[in-house]
């Protein structure tokens, strides 16, 4: 192997990677978490290129991408992780082709292993009633209830709720301005119960300790914008105090919102808009949840749904 060529290839590829990471952070305004994930995936691919002694990123081919995935499989990486890594590589090569005019995307035709489809866990309506029961009037209890109500009322992601400001909520119109993935904004309705819970919290909300906290909708007990980790911990605590018998996390409330909306309305497009999904295929997973609910109702209600035992027809 030509060590000089390997070093040149790594250096050249790393420069392109850094430019791409700057693009998705500054132009596309992806979250720091997403940019960090892209960086890890691309650094691993750059390591393989260095091992193969590739001097020119433009000469990479499908075979090199397949080798990268094969190595990941041997290392025991999950199918979902391999799909994410391949998506990262496709995005990088698409950007690189536009910027440099180089050949087509070598990752475009490569398929990652299929992952098993896991249906998201949801709460039943009566469980949500138990979780969202008001149990106290102190500021922390009112804040935690308002957070849980807003998650379920409007189907928010954790980062979306954590970044909410007070002026994002239009009390008169019962609308919430949400900044989602890719810095895209959408307006979503807020239910009466959630609106009442937020108003009750705002009546006792402490003053913020800095400008960001002054604008934030939800504050920690230290007077700063509440962190994502604190929201997760407080939801878990709320579930424990309500004797629900299940651990609750923000996405479970988002999943419950989507499932219940689809179950009642059957309008997949509307649910897609409310959730802020760019691709309706992402929303379609909730049709499986809806079918599970219908199948359960059928099994419980239809007189001939159950499997017959010791029947003459079974002989």
Protein backbone atom coordinates (compact mmCIF):
# COMPACT_ATOMS: atom_id res chain seq x y z
CA UNK A 1 0.00 0.00 0.00
CA UNK A 2 1.20 3.49 -0.84
CA UNK A 3 1.28 5.27 2.54
CA UNK A 4 1.53 8.67 0.90
CA UNK A 5 -1.57 7.99 -1.20
CA UNK A 6 -3.52 6.82 1.84
CA UNK A 7 -2.59 9.96 3.75
CA UNK A 8 -3.55 12.17 0.82
CA UNK A 9 -6.86 10.38 0.38
CA UNK A 10 -7.73 10.70 4.05
CA UNK A 11 -6.80 14.37 4.12
CA UNK A 12 -8.77 15.16 0.97
CA UNK A 13 -11.82 13.23 2.09
CA UNK A 14 -11.72 14.75 5.55
CA UNK A 15 -11.72 18.23 4.04
CA UNK A 16 -14.82 17.40 2.03
CA UNK A 17 -16.46 15.87 5.09
CA UNK A 18 -15.76 18.97 7.18
CA UNK A 19 -17.24 21.19 4.46
CA UNK A 20 -20.34 18.99 4.33
CA UNK A 21 -20.74 19.07 8.12
CA UNK A 22 -20.47 22.84 8.02
CA UNK A 23 -23.17 22.92 5.36
CA UNK A 24 -25.69 20.82 7.29
CA UNK A 25 -25.02 22.76 10.50
CA UNK A 26 -25.04 26.30 9.10
CA UNK A 27 -27.18 26.14 5.96
CA UNK A 28 -29.60 23.29 6.65
CA UNK A 29 -29.46 24.09 10.40
CA UNK A 30 -29.68 20.50 11.55
CA UNK A 31 -29.41 19.91 15.28
CA UNK A 32 -26.05 19.46 16.98
CA UNK A 33 -27.05 15.88 17.83
CA UNK A 34 -27.72 15.09 14.15
CA UNK A 35 -24.48 16.72 13.00
CA UNK A 36 -22.53 14.69 15.57
CA UNK A 37 -24.12 11.46 14.29
CA UNK A 38 -23.19 12.39 10.70
CA UNK A 39 -19.63 13.11 11.83
CA UNK A 40 -19.24 9.70 13.48
CA UNK A 41 -20.55 7.83 10.44
CA UNK A 42 -18.40 9.73 7.95
CA UNK A 43 -15.28 9.45 10.10
CA UNK A 44 -15.73 5.69 10.10
CA UNK A 45 -16.07 5.65 6.32
CA UNK A 46 -12.96 7.86 5.97
CA UNK A 47 -11.05 5.35 8.09
CA UNK A 48 -11.95 2.58 5.64
CA UNK A 49 -10.87 4.75 2.69
CA UNK A 50 -7.51 5.31 4.38
CA UNK A 51 -7.12 1.56 4.91
CA UNK A 52 -7.78 0.98 1.19
CA UNK A 53 -5.33 3.67 0.16
CA UNK A 54 -7.83 5.63 -1.91
CA UNK A 55 -6.34 8.93 -3.03
CA UNK A 56 -9.39 10.52 -4.68
CA UNK A 57 -12.89 10.52 -3.14
CA UNK A 58 -14.30 10.90 -6.64
CA UNK A 59 -13.05 7.41 -7.50
CA UNK A 60 -15.07 5.70 -4.80
CA UNK A 61 -17.44 3.06 -6.16
CA UNK A 62 -20.34 0.94 -4.96
CA UNK A 63 -17.94 -1.87 -4.09
CA UNK A 64 -16.24 0.35 -1.50
CA UNK A 65 -19.56 1.27 0.08
CA UNK A 66 -20.61 -2.40 0.16
CA UNK A 67 -17.33 -3.30 1.82
CA UNK A 68 -18.01 -0.68 4.49
CA UNK A 69 -21.44 -2.17 5.19
CA UNK A 70 -20.05 -5.70 5.20
CA UNK A 71 -17.50 -4.68 7.80
CA UNK A 72 -20.25 -3.11 9.90
CA UNK A 73 -22.24 -6.35 9.69
CA UNK A 74 -19.24 -8.36 10.88
CA UNK A 75 -18.91 -5.99 13.81
CA UNK A 76 -22.49 -6.79 14.77
CA UNK A 77 -24.05 -3.42 14.04
CA UNK A 78 -27.85 -3.50 13.97
CA UNK A 79 -29.69 -3.22 10.67
CA UNK A 80 -31.19 0.10 11.79
CA UNK A 81 -27.69 1.47 12.46
CA UNK A 82 -26.48 0.34 9.05
CA UNK A 83 -29.46 2.01 7.39
CA UNK A 84 -28.67 5.25 9.17
CA UNK A 85 -25.00 5.08 8.19
CA UNK A 86 -25.90 4.44 4.54
CA UNK A 87 -28.33 7.38 4.60
CA UNK A 88 -25.51 9.58 5.92
CA UNK A 89 -23.22 8.47 3.12
CA UNK A 90 -25.85 9.11 0.46
CA UNK A 91 -26.44 12.61 1.77
CA UNK A 92 -22.70 13.34 1.77
CA UNK A 93 -22.15 12.10 -1.79
CA UNK A 94 -25.22 13.94 -3.09
CA UNK A 95 -23.86 17.17 -1.63
CA UNK A 96 -20.35 16.43 -2.90
CA UNK A 97 -21.65 15.83 -6.43
CA UNK A 98 -23.47 19.17 -6.44
CA UNK A 99 -20.46 21.04 -5.08
CA UNK A 100 -17.69 19.42 -7.10
CA UNK A 101 -19.44 18.09 -10.19
CA UNK A 102 -18.03 14.62 -9.57
CA UNK A 103 -19.63 11.34 -10.64
CA UNK A 104 -22.94 9.95 -9.46
CA UNK A 105 -23.54 8.88 -5.89
CA UNK A 106 -21.76 5.53 -5.28
CA UNK A 107 -24.08 4.81 -2.34
CA UNK A 108 -27.32 5.43 -4.26
CA UNK A 109 -27.93 1.84 -5.40
CA UNK A 110 -26.60 0.11 -2.29
CA UNK A 111 -29.20 -1.48 -0.02
CA UNK A 112 -28.76 -1.86 3.70
CA UNK A 113 -30.17 -4.90 5.53
CA UNK A 114 -33.83 -4.61 6.40
CA UNK A 115 -34.60 -3.96 10.01
CA UNK A 116 -37.45 -5.52 11.90
CA UNK A 117 -40.35 -3.13 12.14
CA UNK A 118 -41.07 -2.33 15.75
CA UNK A 119 -44.39 -0.74 16.48
CA UNK A 120 -44.16 2.14 18.93
CA UNK A 121 -45.62 1.68 22.38
CA UNK A 122 -48.66 3.78 23.24
CA UNK A 123 -50.93 4.47 26.19
CA UNK A 124 -54.62 3.70 26.26
CA UNK A 125 -57.04 6.59 26.78
CA UNK A 126 -57.85 5.53 30.34
CA UNK A 127 -54.13 5.30 31.15
CA UNK A 128 -53.67 8.84 29.88
CA UNK A 129 -56.54 9.97 32.08
CA UNK A 130 -54.73 8.45 35.05
CA UNK A 131 -51.41 10.02 34.07
CA UNK A 132 -52.84 13.49 33.42
CA UNK A 133 -54.80 13.77 36.64
CA UNK A 134 -53.95 16.96 38.55
CA UNK A 135 -52.55 16.07 41.96
CA UNK A 136 -51.06 19.31 43.31
CA UNK A 137 -50.81 23.09 42.99
CA UNK A 138 -47.09 23.62 43.55
CA UNK A 139 -45.16 25.03 40.57
CA UNK A 140 -43.28 21.79 39.78
CA UNK A 141 -46.44 19.68 39.76
CA UNK A 142 -48.26 22.21 37.57
CA UNK A 143 -45.29 22.43 35.20
CA UNK A 144 -44.95 18.66 34.84
CA UNK A 145 -48.66 18.27 34.17
CA UNK A 146 -48.57 21.06 31.56
CA UNK A 147 -45.60 19.39 29.83
CA UNK A 148 -47.35 16.01 29.69
CA UNK A 149 -50.62 17.57 28.51
CA UNK A 150 -48.85 19.47 25.73
CA UNK A 151 -46.98 16.37 24.52
CA UNK A 152 -50.23 14.45 24.18
CA UNK A 153 -52.36 17.36 22.99
CA UNK A 154 -50.13 18.35 20.07
CA UNK A 155 -47.92 15.34 19.35
CA UNK A 156 -44.64 17.16 19.98
CA UNK A 157 -41.13 15.78 19.82
CA UNK A 158 -38.95 16.20 22.91
CA UNK A 159 -36.69 18.83 21.29
CA UNK A 160 -39.73 20.72 20.00
CA UNK A 161 -41.28 21.04 23.43
CA UNK A 162 -37.99 21.86 25.13
CA UNK A 163 -37.36 24.76 22.74
CA UNK A 164 -40.83 26.33 23.07
CA UNK A 165 -41.05 30.00 23.99
CA UNK A 166 -43.98 31.70 25.66
CA UNK A 167 -44.85 33.70 22.56
CA UNK A 168 -45.09 30.47 20.51
CA UNK A 169 -48.47 29.84 22.14
CA UNK A 170 -51.45 31.77 20.81
CA UNK A 171 -53.98 31.45 23.61
CA UNK A 172 -56.81 33.10 21.68
CA UNK A 173 -56.47 30.90 18.58
CA UNK A 174 -55.40 27.82 20.60
CA UNK A 175 -52.44 27.33 18.26
CA UNK A 176 -48.82 26.49 18.95
CA UNK A 177 -45.93 27.46 16.69
CA UNK A 178 -43.48 24.56 16.65
CA UNK A 179 -39.94 24.46 15.26
CA UNK A 180 -39.23 20.92 14.12
CA UNK A 181 -36.51 19.02 12.31
CA UNK A 182 -34.53 21.00 9.75
CA UNK A 183 -35.66 24.22 11.47
CA UNK A 184 -39.07 23.86 9.81
CA UNK A 185 -41.97 25.52 11.58
CA UNK A 186 -45.58 24.36 11.73
CA UNK A 187 -48.69 25.39 13.63
CA UNK A 188 -50.56 22.78 15.63
CA UNK A 189 -53.78 23.00 17.65
CA UNK A 190 -53.73 22.89 21.44
CA UNK A 191 -56.55 21.14 23.30
CA UNK A 192 -58.54 22.82 26.06
CA UNK A 193 -57.10 20.58 28.77
CA UNK A 194 -53.52 21.33 27.71
CA UNK A 195 -54.24 25.04 27.40
CA UNK A 196 -55.74 25.12 30.90
CA UNK A 197 -52.73 23.23 32.29
CA UNK A 198 -50.27 25.64 30.66
CA UNK A 199 -52.19 28.67 31.96
CA UNK A 200 -52.19 27.22 35.47
CA UNK A 201 -48.42 26.78 35.26
CA UNK A 202 -47.80 30.26 33.81
CA UNK A 203 -49.66 31.77 36.77
CA UNK A 204 -46.95 30.42 39.11
CA UNK A 205 -44.00 30.27 36.68
CA UNK A 206 -40.85 31.79 38.23
CA UNK A 207 -38.84 34.53 36.57
CA UNK A 208 -36.08 33.41 34.24
CA UNK A 209 -32.46 33.99 35.24
CA UNK A 210 -31.29 35.02 31.76
CA UNK A 211 -32.73 36.22 28.45
CA UNK A 212 -33.25 32.70 27.09
CA UNK A 213 -35.05 31.66 30.26
CA UNK A 214 -37.20 34.79 30.19
CA UNK A 215 -38.46 33.73 26.75
CA UNK A 216 -38.76 29.99 27.50
CA UNK A 217 -42.15 28.44 28.16
CA UNK A 218 -40.92 25.85 30.67
CA UNK A 219 -38.24 26.52 33.28
CA UNK A 220 -36.25 24.30 35.61
CA UNK A 221 -36.43 24.86 39.35
CA UNK A 222 -33.19 26.86 38.94
CA UNK A 223 -34.87 29.43 36.72
CA UNK A 224 -33.34 28.28 33.44
CA UNK A 225 -34.87 26.72 30.33
CA UNK A 226 -35.67 23.14 31.25
CA UNK A 227 -33.36 20.55 29.69
CA UNK A 228 -34.44 17.59 27.59
CA UNK A 229 -33.02 15.20 30.18
CA UNK A 230 -35.03 16.86 32.95
CA UNK A 231 -38.23 16.57 30.91
CA UNK A 232 -37.62 12.85 30.44
CA UNK A 233 -36.94 12.37 34.17
CA UNK A 234 -39.99 14.35 35.23
CA UNK A 235 -42.30 12.39 32.93
CA UNK A 236 -40.97 9.16 34.38
CA UNK A 237 -41.58 10.54 37.87
CA UNK A 238 -45.10 11.63 36.91
CA UNK A 239 -45.89 8.12 35.71
CA UNK A 240 -44.56 6.63 38.96
CA UNK A 241 -46.56 9.02 41.14
CA UNK A 242 -49.74 8.24 39.18
CA UNK A 243 -49.25 4.51 39.88
CA UNK A 244 -49.52 3.83 36.18
CA UNK A 245 -47.30 0.77 36.40
CA UNK A 246 -45.48 1.69 33.18
CA UNK A 247 -42.53 3.88 32.32
CA UNK A 248 -43.52 6.87 30.19
CA UNK A 249 -41.26 8.83 27.86
CA UNK A 250 -41.99 11.82 25.59
CA UNK A 251 -42.20 9.82 22.37
CA UNK A 252 -44.75 7.47 23.93
CA UNK A 253 -47.08 10.45 24.34
CA UNK A 254 -46.38 11.54 20.75
CA UNK A 255 -47.11 8.00 19.54
CA UNK A 256 -50.31 7.93 21.61
CA UNK A 257 -51.41 11.24 20.09
CA UNK A 258 -50.82 9.96 16.55
CA UNK A 259 -52.48 6.60 17.13
CA UNK A 260 -55.58 8.07 18.77
CA UNK A 261 -55.93 10.78 16.12
CA UNK A 262 -55.70 8.25 13.31
CA UNK A 263 -58.02 5.83 15.08
CA UNK A 264 -60.70 8.53 15.42
CA UNK A 265 -60.29 10.37 12.12
CA UNK A 266 -58.73 7.92 9.66
CA UNK A 267 -57.04 10.96 8.04
CA UNK A 268 -53.43 9.95 7.48
CA UNK A 269 -52.49 13.19 5.71
CA UNK A 270 -53.78 15.32 8.56
CA UNK A 271 -51.83 13.28 11.10
CA UNK A 272 -48.73 13.63 8.92
CA UNK A 273 -49.07 17.42 8.98
CA UNK A 274 -49.66 17.53 12.72
CA UNK A 275 -46.60 15.38 13.43
CA UNK A 276 -44.38 17.32 11.03
CA UNK A 277 -43.39 14.26 9.01
CA UNK A 278 -41.87 15.13 5.63
CA UNK A 279 -42.61 11.63 4.30
CA UNK A 280 -46.03 10.05 4.75
CA UNK A 281 -44.37 6.62 4.87
CA UNK A 282 -43.13 7.58 8.34
CA UNK A 283 -46.70 8.25 9.43
CA UNK A 284 -48.02 5.00 7.99
CA UNK A 285 -46.64 2.99 10.90
CA UNK A 286 -49.63 4.25 12.88
CA UNK A 287 -51.98 2.49 10.49
CA UNK A 288 -50.49 -0.74 11.85
CA UNK A 289 -51.28 0.38 15.38
CA UNK A 290 -54.82 1.22 14.31
CA UNK A 291 -55.22 -2.24 12.76
CA UNK A 292 -53.96 -3.84 15.97
CA UNK A 293 -56.64 -1.96 17.88
CA UNK A 294 -59.36 -3.03 15.44
CA UNK A 295 -58.18 -6.63 15.57
CA UNK A 296 -58.28 -6.56 19.37
CA UNK A 297 -61.82 -5.17 19.35
CA UNK A 298 -62.85 -7.83 16.82
CA UNK A 299 -61.36 -10.66 18.89
CA UNK A 300 -63.16 -9.44 22.00
CA UNK A 301 -66.51 -8.67 20.38
CA UNK A 302 -67.18 -11.11 17.55
CA UNK A 303 -68.87 -14.30 18.77
CA UNK A 304 -66.96 -16.48 16.32
CA UNK A 305 -63.58 -14.74 16.49
CA UNK A 306 -62.04 -17.12 19.00
CA UNK A 307 -60.41 -20.41 18.09
CA UNK A 308 -62.83 -23.26 18.69
CA UNK A 309 -61.68 -26.23 20.67
CA UNK A 310 -62.85 -29.83 20.44
CA UNK A 311 -65.14 -29.01 17.55
CA UNK A 312 -66.33 -31.64 15.12
CA UNK A 313 -65.17 -29.29 12.32
CA UNK A 314 -61.61 -29.58 13.59
CA UNK A 315 -61.48 -33.35 13.21
